[in-house]
Amino acid sequence: MRQFFLLLLVCFGVAVQANEQAAVAMPDSYSADAAAAVLNSGGNAVDAAVTAGFVLAVTLPEAGNIGGGGFMLIRQDGKTDFVDYREKAPLRAHKDMYLDEQGNVVTEKPLYGILASGVPGSVMGMWEAHQKYGSKPWQELLAPAIRLAEQGFLPHEKLVRYTQNYVKKVKEARHGRNFDQYFAGMQSDKLFKQPELAATLKRIASEGPKDFYQGKTAQLLVDFMRQRGGLINMQDMAKYQAVWRQPISADWQGYQVLSAPPPSSGGLVLVQMLKMQAVLAEQFKGLGHNSAQYIHLLAELAKLGFADRAEYMGDPDFYQVPIAPLLADAYIAKRAKQVNPAAISVTEEVKPGLKESEDTTHYSVVDKWGNAVSTTTTINLSFGSGVVVEGAGFLLNNEMDDFSAKPGVPNFFGAVGKEANEIAPQKRMLSSMTPTILLKGDKVEMVTGSPGGTTIISSVFQSILNRVLYDMSAQQLVDAPRVHHQLLPKDVIRHHTGLSDEVQAKLTSMGYSLNNQRFGDLQVISRNSSGVLEAASETSGRGKSIVF
């Protein structure tokens, strides 16, 4: 009863002093409640993360998934681990598959319909994390998702609005999408049931990944692909494996920063920007939060990080990403000297330094033993490819757009890439997902992450600066207006509402073009100066955070 009472008392970013605190920060209420229930019943952070992942496949269809992939950063029993369950290109994929006869990119193909999807990794990733670190039975962890799919849930009004808008787009330009056949009837005052998805989840609960990659669910997916002219076959499914990788790790301002390694660019660019900030600490000293000079310096750091991203980053199983050279102190110091504190650096002159999407979802968990999980997972754009596997009830990703369809040609998010990220069979596409944990000593101080395509890196970077440089509470730091720059488009700063007129005028006078367009949805757990956990979800979203 006492636990239940505390749970009721502490929601939406409020902190509680307790001997053994736990916390969740989730993108919707269903995943938050389910993850909290797992922790309250003795489960650990990975158990809660697995439950949340499957619940989100039901209640957050625009980004939660079993038809996509992601990354999970785990801190358990004093050790750090990282499981990469990013999607892979099918065996029949090739580097020119999205080019027309003139060699131009056909932009619709990697975004919509049957050719947009990589081989899904989410089920295998959750299974691997559970097998290595979970403590509760697999079937028990999937039960909440099965119940919500079978018995239904009341959709949030924002979800209904997103769904209705997407249904209109599908009807106007179908591009091979069948989304409306499954989601057109969603209403906020009516239980939304997904019987095909429920049956799929039951098979996964009973048989684990064997069903999804070799059994009935795999056959449903492959038959659907064959009927529609897709590429994924049974060999693709059977060959899929999640990979355990060494997380990015670096010291910064007295903290140890742990983040995502390649095939994510997120951890590398994040740590590069943090380390450059430390080199330039005197220039940051005394700057007001979101002052024009502060935002200019953030843009300068981003230019350098995104230049390296385009040149050097891709799937490390196919391309030797120079991680150590990119993070070397001497290299960081050299790059930091290229920051122009007084004016905008010329975009065309910002080069790689070495010699030679948006609807993602993120969630954070800390258990009562101090273990932590930071998970970012995605099907790329809202509702992925817009294609539901008939008979299995789940949406497929459109992650093939995250490859470089042609060197130097921007993808949907405006990010460019070169040969390091060109399409190849069985290759994982580059990502910007940045699940991150901050340690002080051996204690988890912060768990952070966000959706948002390339803006993810900016959201995570600024969440850390808000916490460490500006001593913001969890709720303050997730709600503080953020800015984003990524080298290209040239001199464009995207920003949240909330920048003062004076700041905007100053940035414009410097030569920046401003784009007021919200991005990201931070889900953060942070320890305050008294050692008390706080958890927060952005007020603008439909997330829920709980400390108990």
Protein backbone atom coordinates (compact mmCIF):
# COMPACT_ATOMS: atom_id res chain seq x y z
CA MET A 1 0.00 0.00 0.00
CA ARG A 2 2.84 2.40 0.83
CA GLN A 3 4.43 1.86 -2.59
CA PHE A 4 1.11 2.46 -4.30
CA PHE A 5 0.58 5.65 -2.29
CA LEU A 6 4.02 6.96 -3.23
CA LEU A 7 3.35 6.11 -6.86
CA LEU A 8 0.19 8.21 -6.79
CA LEU A 9 1.98 11.10 -5.12
CA VAL A 10 4.90 11.32 -7.50
CA CYS A 11 4.24 11.92 -11.19
CA PHE A 12 5.18 14.36 -13.92
CA GLY A 13 8.68 15.39 -12.89
CA VAL A 14 8.34 15.56 -9.12
CA ALA A 15 11.10 14.16 -6.90
CA VAL A 16 10.68 11.96 -3.85
CA GLN A 17 13.24 11.35 -1.11
CA ALA A 18 13.46 7.63 -0.45
CA ASN A 19 15.96 5.01 0.58
CA GLU A 20 15.59 3.08 -2.65
CA GLN A 21 14.34 5.24 -5.49
CA ALA A 22 13.40 4.11 -8.95
CA ALA A 23 12.16 6.18 -11.87
CA VAL A 24 10.79 5.99 -15.39
CA ALA A 25 10.42 8.67 -18.05
CA MET A 26 8.29 7.42 -20.93
CA PRO A 27 6.71 8.87 -24.09
CA ASP A 28 3.19 7.84 -23.07
CA SER A 29 1.22 6.93 -19.96
CA TYR A 30 0.68 3.28 -20.88
CA SER A 31 4.40 2.53 -21.14
CA ALA A 32 5.10 4.52 -17.95
CA ASP A 33 2.52 2.65 -15.91
CA ALA A 34 3.59 -0.74 -17.27
CA ALA A 35 7.30 -0.11 -16.66
CA ALA A 36 6.63 1.21 -13.15
CA ALA A 37 4.58 -1.90 -12.36
CA VAL A 38 7.50 -4.11 -13.41
CA LEU A 39 9.89 -2.20 -11.15
CA ASN A 40 7.42 -2.25 -8.27
CA SER A 41 7.10 -6.03 -8.56
CA GLY A 42 10.86 -6.56 -8.22
CA GLY A 43 11.95 -6.33 -11.84
CA ASN A 44 15.13 -4.53 -12.85
CA ALA A 45 15.71 -1.71 -15.31
CA VAL A 46 16.10 -4.03 -18.30
CA ASP A 47 12.88 -5.86 -17.43
CA ALA A 48 11.06 -2.52 -17.35
CA ALA A 49 12.66 -1.45 -20.63
CA VAL A 50 11.57 -4.64 -22.39
CA THR A 51 7.99 -4.24 -21.18
CA ALA A 52 7.95 -0.60 -22.24
CA GLY A 53 9.33 -1.45 -25.67
CA PHE A 54 6.52 -3.88 -26.45
CA VAL A 55 3.81 -1.65 -24.94
CA LEU A 56 4.94 1.21 -27.17
CA ALA A 57 4.55 -1.06 -30.21
CA VAL A 58 0.83 -1.03 -29.34
CA THR A 59 0.14 2.45 -27.94
CA LEU A 60 2.68 4.63 -29.80
CA PRO A 61 2.32 3.35 -33.39
CA GLU A 62 3.96 6.39 -34.95
CA ALA A 63 7.30 5.39 -33.40
CA GLY A 64 7.04 2.40 -31.03
CA ASN A 65 7.52 -0.80 -32.93
CA ILE A 66 8.35 -4.41 -33.50
CA GLY A 67 8.84 -3.59 -37.18
CA GLY A 68 11.83 -1.30 -36.69
CA GLY A 69 15.00 -1.23 -34.62
CA GLY A 70 16.98 0.73 -32.09
CA PHE A 71 19.71 0.89 -29.48
CA MET A 72 19.74 0.11 -25.75
CA LEU A 73 22.43 1.47 -23.43
CA ILE A 74 22.58 -0.51 -20.19
CA ARG A 75 24.30 0.24 -16.90
CA GLN A 76 23.95 -2.72 -14.56
CA ASP A 77 25.95 -3.87 -11.54
CA GLY A 78 28.67 -1.31 -12.21
CA LYS A 79 29.20 -2.36 -15.83
CA THR A 80 28.08 -0.71 -19.06
CA ASP A 81 26.85 -2.50 -22.17
CA PHE A 82 25.18 -1.61 -25.44
CA VAL A 83 22.99 -3.69 -27.72
CA ASP A 84 22.61 -2.61 -31.34
CA TYR A 85 19.40 -3.85 -32.92
CA ARG A 86 19.40 -1.45 -35.83
CA GLU A 87 17.67 -2.66 -39.00
CA LYS A 88 19.75 -4.15 -41.83
CA ALA A 89 19.49 -3.81 -45.59
CA PRO A 90 18.03 -6.92 -47.28
CA LEU A 91 20.35 -9.27 -49.15
CA ARG A 92 18.97 -8.07 -52.46
CA ALA A 93 19.57 -4.39 -51.69
CA HIS A 94 22.22 -2.49 -53.67
CA LYS A 95 23.70 1.02 -53.63
CA ASP A 96 21.81 2.26 -56.72
CA MET A 97 18.39 0.83 -55.83
CA TYR A 98 16.76 4.24 -55.38
CA LEU A 99 18.21 5.92 -58.50
CA ASP A 100 16.37 6.47 -61.78
CA GLU A 101 17.87 5.93 -65.25
CA GLN A 102 19.51 9.36 -65.11
CA GLY A 103 21.13 8.57 -61.75
CA ASN A 104 18.86 10.84 -59.71
CA VAL A 105 17.37 9.77 -56.37
CA VAL A 106 13.68 8.79 -56.53
CA THR A 107 12.83 10.28 -53.14
CA GLU A 108 9.59 8.36 -52.56
CA LYS A 109 11.13 4.90 -52.79
CA PRO A 110 13.20 4.91 -49.57
CA LEU A 111 10.38 6.68 -47.69
CA TYR A 112 7.09 4.99 -48.57
CA GLY A 113 5.85 1.57 -49.49
CA ILE A 114 7.32 -1.88 -49.65
CA LEU A 115 10.90 -0.99 -50.73
CA ALA A 116 11.51 1.41 -47.84
CA SER A 117 12.04 -1.16 -45.08
CA GLY A 118 15.13 -2.71 -43.62
CA VAL A 119 15.03 -6.06 -41.81
CA PRO A 120 13.48 -5.32 -38.37
CA GLY A 121 15.63 -5.70 -35.26
CA SER A 122 13.49 -4.70 -32.27
CA VAL A 123 12.30 -8.17 -31.24
CA MET A 124 15.82 -9.61 -31.35
CA GLY A 125 17.24 -6.62 -29.47
CA MET A 126 14.73 -6.89 -26.64
CA TRP A 127 15.32 -10.64 -26.45
CA GLU A 128 19.11 -10.24 -26.28
CA ALA A 129 18.86 -7.60 -23.54
CA HIS A 130 16.48 -9.79 -21.56
CA GLN A 131 18.58 -12.94 -21.93
CA LYS A 132 21.72 -11.19 -20.73
CA TYR A 133 20.34 -8.89 -18.02
CA GLY A 134 16.65 -9.54 -17.38
CA SER A 135 15.34 -11.16 -14.21
CA LYS A 136 11.62 -11.71 -14.85
CA PRO A 137 10.08 -14.29 -17.21
CA TRP A 138 9.86 -13.17 -20.86
CA GLN A 139 6.15 -13.98 -21.13
CA GLU A 140 5.35 -11.90 -18.06
CA LEU A 141 7.10 -8.88 -19.56
CA LEU A 142 5.04 -9.06 -22.77
CA ALA A 143 1.71 -9.53 -21.01
CA PRO A 144 0.85 -5.79 -20.70
CA ALA A 145 1.39 -5.24 -24.43
CA ILE A 146 -0.73 -8.26 -25.32
CA ARG A 147 -3.52 -7.05 -23.07
CA LEU A 148 -3.50 -3.55 -24.57
CA ALA A 149 -3.53 -4.90 -28.12
CA GLU A 150 -6.23 -7.49 -27.45
CA GLN A 151 -8.53 -5.60 -25.07
CA GLY A 152 -7.76 -2.17 -26.49
CA PHE A 153 -6.63 1.20 -25.13
CA LEU A 154 -8.02 4.71 -25.24
CA PRO A 155 -5.81 6.68 -27.64
CA HIS A 156 -4.51 10.09 -26.61
CA GLU A 157 -6.09 12.96 -28.55
CA LYS A 158 -2.70 13.84 -30.04
CA LEU A 159 -2.32 10.29 -31.36
CA VAL A 160 -5.79 10.42 -32.91
CA ARG A 161 -4.91 13.72 -34.57
CA TYR A 162 -1.60 12.38 -35.92
CA THR A 163 -3.34 9.27 -37.19
CA GLN A 164 -6.15 11.14 -38.92
CA ASN A 165 -3.68 13.47 -40.64
CA TYR A 166 -1.62 10.52 -41.85
CA VAL A 167 -4.72 8.70 -43.12
CA LYS A 168 -5.47 11.78 -45.28
CA LYS A 169 -1.94 11.74 -46.69
CA VAL A 170 -2.22 8.06 -47.54
CA LYS A 171 -5.51 8.58 -49.36
CA GLU A 172 -4.09 11.53 -51.31
CA ALA A 173 -0.88 9.78 -52.35
CA ARG A 174 -1.01 6.13 -51.43
CA HIS A 175 2.55 5.13 -52.44
CA GLY A 176 1.68 1.52 -51.67
CA ARG A 177 0.61 2.26 -48.09
CA ASN A 178 -2.26 0.37 -46.41
CA PHE A 179 -2.13 2.31 -43.14
CA ASP A 180 -5.71 3.56 -43.39
CA GLN A 181 -7.09 0.02 -43.50
CA TYR A 182 -5.83 -0.52 -39.95
CA PHE A 183 -5.94 2.91 -38.29
CA ALA A 184 -8.69 4.98 -39.93
CA GLY A 185 -11.21 4.03 -37.23
CA MET A 186 -9.15 5.24 -34.26
CA GLN A 187 -11.11 7.52 -31.88
CA SER A 188 -10.13 9.05 -28.54
CA ASP A 189 -13.34 7.93 -26.79
CA LYS A 190 -13.33 4.35 -28.08
CA LEU A 191 -11.09 1.41 -27.18
CA PHE A 192 -8.71 0.79 -30.07
CA LYS A 193 -8.08 -2.93 -30.52
CA GLN A 194 -5.44 -4.60 -32.69
CA PRO A 195 -6.26 -8.32 -32.89
CA GLU A 196 -3.63 -9.22 -35.50
CA LEU A 197 -0.90 -7.49 -33.47
CA ALA A 198 -2.16 -9.20 -30.30
CA ALA A 199 -1.82 -12.61 -31.98
CA THR A 200 1.70 -11.73 -33.13
CA LEU A 201 2.71 -10.62 -29.65
CA LYS A 202 1.32 -13.85 -28.19
CA ARG A 203 3.49 -15.88 -30.57
CA ILE A 204 6.56 -13.81 -29.64
CA ALA A 205 5.77 -14.24 -25.95
CA SER A 206 5.52 -17.99 -26.38
CA GLU A 207 8.36 -18.63 -28.85
CA GLY A 208 10.64 -15.62 -28.50
CA PRO A 209 12.47 -14.34 -31.60
CA LYS A 210 12.20 -17.77 -33.25
CA ASP A 211 8.64 -16.92 -34.27
CA PHE A 212 9.47 -13.46 -35.54
CA TYR A 213 12.54 -14.45 -37.55
CA GLN A 214 11.87 -18.05 -38.56
CA GLY A 215 8.27 -18.93 -37.65
CA LYS A 216 4.75 -17.87 -38.55
CA THR A 217 5.32 -14.13 -38.14
CA ALA A 218 8.38 -14.27 -40.40
CA GLN A 219 6.37 -16.19 -43.00
CA LEU A 220 3.55 -13.62 -42.87
CA LEU A 221 6.06 -10.82 -43.42
CA VAL A 222 7.89 -12.58 -46.26
CA ASP A 223 4.67 -13.60 -48.02
CA PHE A 224 3.47 -10.00 -47.77
CA MET A 225 6.77 -8.79 -49.24
CA ARG A 226 6.55 -11.29 -52.10
CA GLN A 227 2.99 -10.29 -52.98
CA ARG A 228 3.91 -6.61 -53.07
CA GLY A 229 7.30 -6.80 -54.76
CA GLY A 230 9.41 -6.23 -51.66
CA LEU A 231 12.93 -7.47 -51.00
CA ILE A 232 12.93 -9.06 -47.53
CA ASN A 233 12.95 -12.88 -47.67
CA MET A 234 13.24 -15.74 -45.19
CA GLN A 235 17.02 -15.76 -45.48
CA ASP A 236 17.12 -12.09 -44.46
CA MET A 237 14.98 -12.82 -41.43
CA ALA A 238 16.87 -15.94 -40.36
CA LYS A 239 20.25 -14.20 -40.67
CA TYR A 240 19.34 -11.19 -38.56
CA GLN A 241 21.30 -10.80 -35.32
CA ALA A 242 21.54 -8.02 -32.76
CA VAL A 243 25.12 -7.02 -31.89
CA TRP A 244 26.67 -6.20 -28.52
CA ARG A 245 29.05 -3.26 -28.90
CA GLN A 246 31.38 -1.16 -26.75
CA PRO A 247 29.65 2.10 -25.78
CA ILE A 248 31.24 5.47 -26.45
CA SER A 249 32.79 6.66 -23.19
CA ALA A 250 34.49 9.95 -22.35
CA ASP A 251 35.27 12.17 -19.38
CA TRP A 252 33.67 15.63 -19.40
CA GLN A 253 33.39 18.25 -16.66
CA GLY A 254 33.85 15.67 -13.89
CA TYR A 255 31.34 13.21 -15.39
CA GLN A 256 31.71 10.05 -17.40
CA VAL A 257 29.56 10.29 -20.51
CA LEU A 258 28.29 6.97 -21.91
CA SER A 259 26.55 6.96 -25.25
CA ALA A 260 25.82 5.12 -28.51
CA PRO A 261 28.65 3.87 -30.74
CA PRO A 262 28.42 3.40 -34.54
CA PRO A 263 26.28 2.64 -36.47
CA SER A 264 24.91 5.58 -34.53
CA SER A 265 26.58 8.90 -35.16
CA GLY A 266 24.88 10.24 -32.05
CA GLY A 267 27.36 9.29 -29.36
CA LEU A 268 30.40 10.34 -31.37
CA VAL A 269 29.05 13.74 -32.38
CA LEU A 270 27.65 14.34 -28.89
CA VAL A 271 30.98 13.63 -27.20
CA GLN A 272 32.87 15.67 -29.80
CA MET A 273 30.65 18.67 -29.07
CA LEU A 274 30.88 18.21 -25.30
CA LYS A 275 34.67 17.96 -25.41
CA MET A 276 34.95 21.01 -27.67
CA GLN A 277 32.71 22.88 -25.24
CA ALA A 278 35.13 22.02 -22.44
CA VAL A 279 38.07 23.34 -24.48
CA LEU A 280 36.11 26.54 -25.04
CA ALA A 281 34.84 26.74 -21.46
CA GLU A 282 36.06 30.32 -21.02
CA GLN A 283 34.00 31.44 -24.01
CA PHE A 284 30.90 29.79 -22.52
CA LYS A 285 31.53 31.21 -19.05
CA GLY A 286 28.90 33.69 -17.95
CA LEU A 287 26.76 33.36 -21.07
CA GLY A 288 23.04 33.51 -20.42
CA HIS A 289 21.07 30.40 -21.33
CA ASN A 290 19.86 30.72 -24.94
CA SER A 291 21.56 34.08 -25.38
CA ALA A 292 22.53 34.86 -28.98
CA GLN A 293 26.22 34.22 -28.32
CA TYR A 294 25.48 30.90 -26.58
CA ILE A 295 23.34 29.72 -29.51
CA HIS A 296 25.99 30.86 -31.99
CA LEU A 297 28.65 28.80 -30.21
CA LEU A 298 26.35 25.74 -30.21
CA ALA A 299 25.86 26.16 -33.98
CA GLU A 300 29.62 26.41 -34.52
CA LEU A 301 30.21 23.17 -32.58
CA ALA A 302 27.43 21.43 -34.52
CA LYS A 303 28.96 22.42 -37.87
CA LEU A 304 32.18 20.64 -36.99
CA GLY A 305 30.46 17.55 -35.60
CA PHE A 306 28.11 17.13 -38.57
CA ALA A 307 30.97 17.58 -41.06
CA ASP A 308 32.70 14.58 -39.48
CA ARG A 309 29.40 12.69 -39.38
CA ALA A 310 28.94 12.98 -43.14
CA GLU A 311 32.47 11.84 -43.95
CA TYR A 312 33.44 9.16 -41.47
CA MET A 313 30.42 7.46 -39.94
CA GLY A 314 28.58 4.30 -40.94
CA ASP A 315 28.17 0.64 -40.01
CA PRO A 316 31.42 -0.44 -38.28
CA ASP A 317 30.95 -3.98 -39.61
CA PHE A 318 31.41 -2.59 -43.14
CA TYR A 319 33.49 0.54 -42.63
CA GLN A 320 36.26 1.25 -40.13
CA VAL A 321 34.88 4.26 -38.27
CA PRO A 322 37.86 6.17 -36.78
CA ILE A 323 36.39 6.45 -33.28
CA ALA A 324 39.62 7.01 -31.34
CA PRO A 325 41.03 9.66 -33.72
CA LEU A 326 37.71 11.53 -33.76
CA LEU A 327 37.67 11.74 -29.95
CA ALA A 328 41.41 12.25 -29.34
CA ASP A 329 42.15 15.27 -27.15
CA ALA A 330 44.60 16.73 -29.68
CA TYR A 331 42.06 16.44 -32.47
CA ILE A 332 39.30 17.98 -30.34
CA ALA A 333 41.57 20.90 -29.42
CA LYS A 334 42.40 21.44 -33.10
CA ARG A 335 38.72 21.40 -34.09
CA ALA A 336 37.77 23.74 -31.24
CA LYS A 337 40.23 26.33 -32.59
CA GLN A 338 38.14 26.43 -35.78
CA VAL A 339 35.16 27.85 -33.90
CA ASN A 340 34.64 31.48 -34.83
CA PRO A 341 33.23 33.22 -31.75
CA ALA A 342 32.43 36.46 -33.57
CA ALA A 343 30.81 35.38 -36.85
CA ILE A 344 29.35 32.42 -38.73
CA SER A 345 31.98 30.08 -40.11
CA VAL A 346 31.69 29.73 -43.88
CA THR A 347 29.78 26.49 -44.41
CA GLU A 348 31.69 25.51 -47.55
CA GLU A 349 34.97 25.83 -45.64
CA VAL A 350 33.91 23.54 -42.77
CA LYS A 351 35.47 20.23 -43.76
CA PRO A 352 35.95 16.87 -42.06
CA GLY A 353 38.96 17.17 -39.83
CA LEU A 354 40.85 13.92 -40.19
CA LYS A 355 43.36 13.30 -42.88
CA GLU A 356 42.15 11.18 -45.41
CA SER A 357 14.50 10.46 -38.45
CA GLU A 358 12.01 12.26 -36.50
CA ASP A 359 9.54 10.17 -35.19
CA THR A 360 11.67 7.97 -33.09
CA THR A 361 10.90 7.32 -29.43
CA HIS A 362 13.06 7.32 -26.33
CA TYR A 363 12.60 6.16 -22.76
CA SER A 364 14.72 6.14 -19.62
CA VAL A 365 14.67 3.81 -16.59
CA VAL A 366 16.49 3.66 -13.25
CA ASP A 367 15.76 0.81 -10.84
CA LYS A 368 16.09 0.68 -7.05
CA TRP A 369 19.56 -0.89 -7.31
CA GLY A 370 20.87 2.08 -9.28
CA ASN A 371 20.89 0.25 -12.62
CA ALA A 372 19.86 2.32 -15.63
CA VAL A 373 18.66 1.85 -19.19
CA SER A 374 18.56 4.46 -21.93
CA THR A 375 16.68 3.19 -24.99
CA THR A 376 15.99 4.85 -28.31
CA THR A 377 14.00 2.95 -30.91
CA THR A 378 12.52 3.92 -34.25
CA ILE A 379 10.71 3.14 -37.47
CA ASN A 380 12.10 6.43 -38.87
CA LEU A 381 9.32 8.82 -39.97
CA SER A 382 5.88 8.93 -38.35
CA PHE A 383 4.26 5.51 -38.86
CA GLY A 384 7.37 4.33 -40.75
CA SER A 385 6.71 3.29 -44.33
CA GLY A 386 2.97 3.46 -43.74
CA VAL A 387 2.77 -0.26 -44.51
CA VAL A 388 1.18 -2.75 -42.10
CA VAL A 389 2.09 -6.44 -42.48
CA GLU A 390 -1.27 -7.99 -43.25
CA GLY A 391 -2.06 -10.85 -40.92
CA ALA A 392 0.60 -9.75 -38.41
CA GLY A 393 -0.70 -6.25 -37.65
CA PHE A 394 2.55 -4.31 -37.23
CA LEU A 395 3.95 -1.32 -39.11
CA LEU A 396 7.17 -1.61 -41.08
CA ASN A 397 10.00 0.90 -40.88
CA ASN A 398 11.29 3.15 -43.65
CA GLU A 399 14.86 3.14 -42.40
CA MET A 400 16.36 2.64 -45.85
CA ASP A 401 16.16 6.45 -46.14
CA ASP A 402 18.88 6.65 -43.49
CA PHE A 403 21.39 5.27 -45.98
CA SER A 404 23.05 7.61 -48.44
CA ALA A 405 21.03 6.83 -51.56
CA LYS A 406 23.65 8.83 -53.44
CA PRO A 407 26.81 10.46 -51.99
CA GLY A 408 26.20 14.11 -51.14
CA VAL A 409 22.41 13.97 -51.63
CA PRO A 410 20.50 14.85 -48.42
CA ASN A 411 18.01 12.41 -46.93
CA PHE A 412 14.63 13.43 -45.47
CA PHE A 413 16.34 15.08 -42.48
CA GLY A 414 18.75 17.07 -44.65
CA ALA A 415 21.71 14.92 -43.58
CA VAL A 416 24.28 14.06 -46.21
CA GLY A 417 26.59 11.08 -46.31
CA LYS A 418 29.25 9.47 -48.45
CA GLU A 419 30.58 5.99 -49.14
CA ALA A 420 30.74 5.13 -45.43
CA ASN A 421 26.94 5.03 -45.40
CA GLU A 422 26.10 3.78 -48.89
CA ILE A 423 23.61 0.91 -49.26
CA ALA A 424 25.00 -2.63 -49.13
CA PRO A 425 23.36 -6.01 -48.39
CA GLN A 426 23.17 -6.80 -44.66
CA LYS A 427 24.53 -3.38 -43.75
CA ARG A 428 23.06 -1.26 -40.94
CA MET A 429 22.14 2.30 -41.87
CA LEU A 430 23.67 5.26 -40.03
CA SER A 431 21.59 6.68 -37.19
CA SER A 432 21.44 9.79 -35.02
CA MET A 433 19.92 8.00 -32.02
CA THR A 434 21.77 9.07 -28.87
CA PRO A 435 20.73 7.14 -25.75
CA THR A 436 23.04 8.53 -23.06
CA ILE A 437 23.91 8.03 -19.39
CA LEU A 438 26.03 10.33 -17.20
CA LEU A 439 27.94 8.89 -14.27
CA LYS A 440 29.68 10.60 -11.38
CA GLY A 441 32.00 8.13 -9.79
CA ASP A 442 30.02 4.93 -10.18
CA LYS A 443 26.61 6.53 -9.64
CA VAL A 444 24.06 7.24 -12.34
CA GLU A 445 23.49 11.01 -12.41
CA MET A 446 21.43 11.36 -15.57
CA VAL A 447 19.67 9.21 -18.17
CA THR A 448 18.67 11.13 -21.28
CA GLY A 449 17.54 10.74 -24.86
CA SER A 450 15.07 11.98 -27.43
CA PRO A 451 13.48 11.28 -30.80
CA GLY A 452 13.92 13.69 -33.70
CA GLY A 453 16.17 12.42 -36.50
CA THR A 454 19.34 14.49 -36.68
CA THR A 455 17.92 16.87 -34.05
CA ILE A 456 18.31 14.08 -31.48
CA ILE A 457 21.96 14.98 -31.01
CA SER A 458 21.10 18.63 -30.31
CA SER A 459 18.36 17.69 -27.85
CA VAL A 460 20.62 15.37 -25.86
CA PHE A 461 23.57 17.78 -25.98
CA GLN A 462 21.50 20.67 -24.64
CA SER A 463 19.78 18.52 -22.01
CA ILE A 464 23.23 17.77 -20.58
CA LEU A 465 24.36 21.41 -20.75
CA ASN A 466 21.12 22.48 -19.07
CA ARG A 467 21.72 20.01 -16.25
CA VAL A 468 25.45 20.60 -15.71
CA LEU A 469 26.13 24.22 -16.75
CA TYR A 470 22.79 25.75 -15.74
CA ASP A 471 21.78 23.49 -12.82
CA MET A 472 18.25 22.97 -14.12
CA SER A 473 15.80 20.52 -12.60
CA ALA A 474 14.65 17.60 -14.74
CA GLN A 475 11.42 19.35 -15.71
CA GLN A 476 13.15 22.64 -16.42
CA LEU A 477 15.76 21.07 -18.65
CA VAL A 478 13.31 19.09 -20.79
CA ASP A 479 11.01 22.12 -21.25
CA ALA A 480 13.73 24.71 -21.93
CA PRO A 481 13.61 25.92 -25.58
CA ARG A 482 16.20 24.18 -27.74
CA VAL A 483 18.00 25.04 -30.98
CA HIS A 484 19.41 22.88 -33.77
CA HIS A 485 21.98 23.38 -36.51
CA GLN A 486 23.57 20.64 -38.64
CA LEU A 487 25.92 22.33 -41.16
CA LEU A 488 23.32 21.98 -43.94
CA PRO A 489 20.95 23.66 -44.78
CA LYS A 490 23.43 26.53 -44.78
CA ASP A 491 23.24 28.85 -41.72
CA VAL A 492 19.75 27.68 -40.69
CA ILE A 493 18.94 27.44 -36.99
CA ARG A 494 15.80 25.54 -36.11
CA HIS A 495 14.37 26.50 -32.73
CA HIS A 496 11.54 26.04 -30.27
CA THR A 497 9.20 28.87 -29.39
CA GLY A 498 10.62 30.81 -26.45
CA LEU A 499 13.68 32.63 -27.81
CA SER A 500 13.39 36.34 -27.06
CA ASP A 501 12.83 38.86 -29.86
CA GLU A 502 16.20 40.41 -29.02
CA VAL A 503 18.02 37.09 -29.39
CA GLN A 504 16.27 36.32 -32.67
CA ALA A 505 17.11 39.76 -34.04
CA LYS A 506 20.78 39.35 -33.06
CA LEU A 507 21.05 35.92 -34.70
CA THR A 508 19.39 37.24 -37.85
CA SER A 509 21.79 40.17 -37.97
CA MET A 510 24.69 37.70 -37.77
CA GLY A 511 23.38 36.02 -40.91
CA TYR A 512 21.40 33.09 -39.55
CA SER A 513 18.02 32.08 -40.96
CA LEU A 514 15.63 31.07 -38.19
CA ASN A 515 13.06 28.28 -38.47
CA ASN A 516 10.58 28.14 -35.59
CA GLN A 517 9.69 24.45 -35.63
CA ARG A 518 9.56 22.26 -32.55
CA PHE A 519 11.60 19.04 -32.43
CA GLY A 520 12.32 16.19 -30.04
CA ASP A 521 10.62 14.80 -26.94
CA LEU A 522 13.15 14.47 -24.11
CA GLN A 523 12.58 11.73 -21.52
CA VAL A 524 15.03 12.36 -18.69
CA ILE A 525 15.90 11.01 -15.26
CA SER A 526 18.30 13.25 -13.34
CA ARG A 527 19.74 13.35 -9.84
CA ASN A 528 19.60 16.77 -8.19
CA SER A 529 22.23 18.34 -5.92
CA SER A 530 20.71 16.59 -2.90
CA GLY A 531 21.10 13.19 -4.55
CA VAL A 532 17.36 12.81 -5.15
CA LEU A 533 16.10 11.37 -8.43
CA GLU A 534 13.85 13.51 -10.62
CA ALA A 535 12.13 12.34 -13.79
CA ALA A 536 10.53 14.44 -16.48
CA SER A 537 8.80 14.22 -19.84
CA GLU A 538 8.34 17.28 -22.03
CA THR A 539 5.15 19.12 -21.15
CA SER A 540 4.33 19.54 -24.84
CA GLY A 541 4.24 15.77 -25.43
CA ARG A 542 2.07 12.99 -24.13
CA GLY A 543 4.73 11.36 -21.97
CA LYS A 544 4.61 10.49 -18.30
CA SER A 545 7.39 10.35 -15.72
CA ILE A 546 7.27 8.69 -12.32
CA VAL A 547 9.64 8.57 -9.35
CA PHE A 548 8.75 6.12 -6.61
